[in-house]
Amino acid sequence: MDGLEQELGDRVIFIRLNIQEQVGMELAPVYKFTFTPTFIFFDAQGNEVWRQIGSFDPQAVRDSLK
């Protein structure tokens, strides 16, 4: 994820949440994630485009930007 953030940092905002910290505990039920890691990709309007649990697929992010 770090490499993808460097590659796409001017086009995508990456936010990492720890569900064991207060903000993560508050947002987990809002975005309905219970497993870690969970990756959620939102479009510019804030709509969820995709989500993935477990391993991170950098190509899925690249494909979503096309």
N, C-alpha and C. Protein backbone atom coordinates (compact mmCIF):
# COMPACT_ATOMS: atom_id res chain seq x y z
N MET A 1 0.82 -1.17 0.00
CA MET A 1 0.00 0.00 0.00
C MET A 1 0.87 1.25 0.00
N ASP A 2 2.00 1.21 0.67
CA ASP A 2 2.90 2.37 0.69
C ASP A 2 3.37 2.72 -0.71
N GLY A 3 3.73 1.71 -1.50
CA GLY A 3 4.20 1.95 -2.86
C GLY A 3 3.11 2.56 -3.72
N LEU A 4 1.90 2.08 -3.57
CA LEU A 4 0.78 2.62 -4.33
C LEU A 4 0.48 4.05 -3.91
N GLU A 5 0.62 4.32 -2.64
CA GLU A 5 0.42 5.69 -2.15
C GLU A 5 1.44 6.64 -2.75
N GLN A 6 2.67 6.21 -2.89
CA GLN A 6 3.70 7.03 -3.53
C GLN A 6 3.38 7.22 -5.01
N GLU A 7 2.91 6.18 -5.65
CA GLU A 7 2.60 6.21 -7.08
C GLU A 7 1.39 7.10 -7.39
N LEU A 8 0.36 7.01 -6.56
CA LEU A 8 -0.90 7.69 -6.85
C LEU A 8 -1.26 8.79 -5.87
N GLY A 9 -0.33 9.17 -5.04
CA GLY A 9 -0.59 10.14 -3.99
C GLY A 9 -1.16 11.47 -4.45
N ASP A 10 -0.91 11.85 -5.70
CA ASP A 10 -1.46 13.11 -6.21
C ASP A 10 -2.89 12.93 -6.71
N ARG A 11 -3.38 11.69 -6.82
CA ARG A 11 -4.73 11.42 -7.34
C ARG A 11 -5.66 10.76 -6.33
N VAL A 12 -5.08 10.16 -5.30
CA VAL A 12 -5.86 9.37 -4.35
C VAL A 12 -5.44 9.76 -2.93
N ILE A 13 -6.41 9.84 -2.04
CA ILE A 13 -6.13 10.07 -0.62
C ILE A 13 -6.22 8.73 0.09
N PHE A 14 -5.16 8.36 0.75
CA PHE A 14 -5.11 7.10 1.50
C PHE A 14 -5.29 7.42 2.98
N ILE A 15 -6.23 6.75 3.60
CA ILE A 15 -6.48 6.94 5.03
C ILE A 15 -6.39 5.58 5.69
N ARG A 16 -5.60 5.51 6.73
CA ARG A 16 -5.47 4.26 7.48
C ARG A 16 -6.12 4.44 8.84
N LEU A 17 -6.93 3.46 9.22
CA LEU A 17 -7.58 3.49 10.52
C LEU A 17 -7.21 2.25 11.30
N ASN A 18 -6.99 2.44 12.56
CA ASN A 18 -6.75 1.32 13.47
C ASN A 18 -8.04 1.11 14.25
N ILE A 19 -8.68 -0.04 14.09
CA ILE A 19 -9.96 -0.26 14.76
C ILE A 19 -9.81 -0.45 16.27
N GLN A 20 -8.59 -0.47 16.77
CA GLN A 20 -8.38 -0.54 18.21
C GLN A 20 -8.21 0.85 18.81
N GLU A 21 -8.22 1.88 17.97
CA GLU A 21 -8.18 3.26 18.45
C GLU A 21 -9.58 3.85 18.36
N GLN A 22 -9.83 4.92 19.09
CA GLN A 22 -11.17 5.48 19.21
C GLN A 22 -11.83 5.78 17.86
N VAL A 23 -11.15 6.47 16.97
CA VAL A 23 -11.78 6.82 15.69
C VAL A 23 -12.10 5.58 14.87
N GLY A 24 -11.26 4.58 14.92
CA GLY A 24 -11.52 3.33 14.21
C GLY A 24 -12.72 2.60 14.79
N MET A 25 -12.85 2.61 16.11
CA MET A 25 -14.00 1.97 16.75
C MET A 25 -15.30 2.68 16.37
N GLU A 26 -15.24 3.98 16.24
CA GLU A 26 -16.44 4.75 15.88
C GLU A 26 -16.83 4.55 14.42
N LEU A 27 -15.85 4.42 13.53
CA LEU A 27 -16.15 4.30 12.11
C LEU A 27 -16.44 2.87 11.65
N ALA A 28 -15.99 1.88 12.39
CA ALA A 28 -16.22 0.49 11.99
C ALA A 28 -17.70 0.18 11.77
N PRO A 29 -18.60 0.53 12.67
CA PRO A 29 -20.01 0.24 12.40
C PRO A 29 -20.61 1.12 11.29
N VAL A 30 -20.08 2.31 11.12
CA VAL A 30 -20.59 3.21 10.07
C VAL A 30 -20.31 2.61 8.69
N TYR A 31 -19.09 2.11 8.50
CA TYR A 31 -18.69 1.54 7.20
C TYR A 31 -18.81 0.02 7.17
N LYS A 32 -19.36 -0.54 8.22
CA LYS A 32 -19.67 -1.97 8.31
C LYS A 32 -18.48 -2.87 8.01
N PHE A 33 -17.38 -2.62 8.71
CA PHE A 33 -16.27 -3.56 8.60
C PHE A 33 -15.95 -4.14 9.97
N THR A 34 -15.73 -5.44 9.96
CA THR A 34 -15.44 -6.14 11.21
C THR A 34 -14.13 -6.91 11.14
N PHE A 35 -13.64 -7.13 9.94
CA PHE A 35 -12.40 -7.89 9.77
C PHE A 35 -11.27 -6.96 9.39
N THR A 36 -10.07 -7.31 9.82
CA THR A 36 -8.90 -6.53 9.44
C THR A 36 -7.91 -7.43 8.75
N PRO A 37 -7.23 -6.92 7.77
CA PRO A 37 -7.47 -5.58 7.22
C PRO A 37 -8.66 -5.59 6.25
N THR A 38 -9.34 -4.47 6.19
CA THR A 38 -10.39 -4.23 5.19
C THR A 38 -10.00 -2.99 4.41
N PHE A 39 -10.03 -3.09 3.11
CA PHE A 39 -9.70 -1.97 2.23
C PHE A 39 -10.98 -1.53 1.53
N ILE A 40 -11.29 -0.25 1.63
CA ILE A 40 -12.50 0.29 0.99
C ILE A 40 -12.06 1.44 0.09
N PHE A 41 -12.52 1.40 -1.16
CA PHE A 41 -12.18 2.44 -2.13
C PHE A 41 -13.43 3.24 -2.44
N PHE A 42 -13.36 4.55 -2.27
CA PHE A 42 -14.47 5.45 -2.54
C PHE A 42 -14.15 6.31 -3.75
N ASP A 43 -15.17 6.65 -4.53
CA ASP A 43 -14.96 7.57 -5.64
C ASP A 43 -14.97 9.01 -5.12
N ALA A 44 -14.80 9.96 -6.01
CA ALA A 44 -14.69 11.37 -5.63
C ALA A 44 -15.96 11.89 -4.95
N GLN A 45 -17.09 11.23 -5.20
CA GLN A 45 -18.35 11.65 -4.59
C GLN A 45 -18.61 10.97 -3.24
N GLY A 46 -17.71 10.09 -2.83
CA GLY A 46 -17.85 9.40 -1.55
C GLY A 46 -18.61 8.10 -1.62
N ASN A 47 -18.88 7.62 -2.84
CA ASN A 47 -19.57 6.35 -3.02
C ASN A 47 -18.57 5.20 -2.98
N GLU A 48 -18.93 4.14 -2.30
CA GLU A 48 -18.04 2.98 -2.25
C GLU A 48 -17.98 2.32 -3.61
N VAL A 49 -16.76 2.15 -4.12
CA VAL A 49 -16.54 1.51 -5.42
C VAL A 49 -16.29 0.02 -5.23
N TRP A 50 -15.47 -0.32 -4.26
CA TRP A 50 -15.21 -1.72 -3.95
C TRP A 50 -14.63 -1.83 -2.55
N ARG A 51 -14.66 -3.04 -2.04
CA ARG A 51 -14.02 -3.33 -0.75
C ARG A 51 -13.38 -4.70 -0.84
N GLN A 52 -12.33 -4.85 -0.08
CA GLN A 52 -11.60 -6.11 -0.09
C GLN A 52 -11.14 -6.41 1.32
N ILE A 53 -11.32 -7.64 1.74
CA ILE A 53 -10.88 -8.08 3.06
C ILE A 53 -9.67 -8.97 2.87
N GLY A 54 -8.66 -8.75 3.69
CA GLY A 54 -7.46 -9.58 3.62
C GLY A 54 -6.36 -8.90 2.84
N SER A 55 -5.80 -9.58 1.90
CA SER A 55 -4.67 -9.03 1.15
C SER A 55 -5.12 -7.88 0.25
N PHE A 56 -4.22 -6.97 0.04
CA PHE A 56 -4.49 -5.77 -0.75
C PHE A 56 -4.07 -5.98 -2.19
N ASP A 57 -4.95 -5.62 -3.12
CA ASP A 57 -4.68 -5.76 -4.55
C ASP A 57 -4.46 -4.38 -5.17
N PRO A 58 -3.21 -3.95 -5.35
CA PRO A 58 -2.95 -2.63 -5.91
C PRO A 58 -3.56 -2.43 -7.29
N GLN A 59 -3.65 -3.51 -8.07
CA GLN A 59 -4.20 -3.37 -9.42
C GLN A 59 -5.67 -3.00 -9.38
N ALA A 60 -6.39 -3.44 -8.38
CA ALA A 60 -7.81 -3.09 -8.25
C ALA A 60 -7.97 -1.58 -8.10
N VAL A 61 -7.07 -0.95 -7.37
CA VAL A 61 -7.12 0.51 -7.22
C VAL A 61 -6.81 1.17 -8.56
N ARG A 62 -5.77 0.71 -9.22
CA ARG A 62 -5.41 1.28 -10.53
C ARG A 62 -6.57 1.13 -11.51
N ASP A 63 -7.19 -0.04 -11.55
CA ASP A 63 -8.32 -0.28 -12.47
C ASP A 63 -9.50 0.62 -12.14
N SER A 64 -9.72 0.89 -10.86
CA SER A 64 -10.85 1.75 -10.47
C SER A 64 -10.66 3.19 -10.92
N LEU A 65 -9.44 3.58 -11.15
CA LEU A 65 -9.15 4.96 -11.57
C LEU A 65 -9.34 5.17 -13.06
N LYS A 66 -9.51 4.10 -13.80
CA LYS A 66 -9.63 4.23 -15.27
C LYS A 66 -11.00 4.69 -15.66
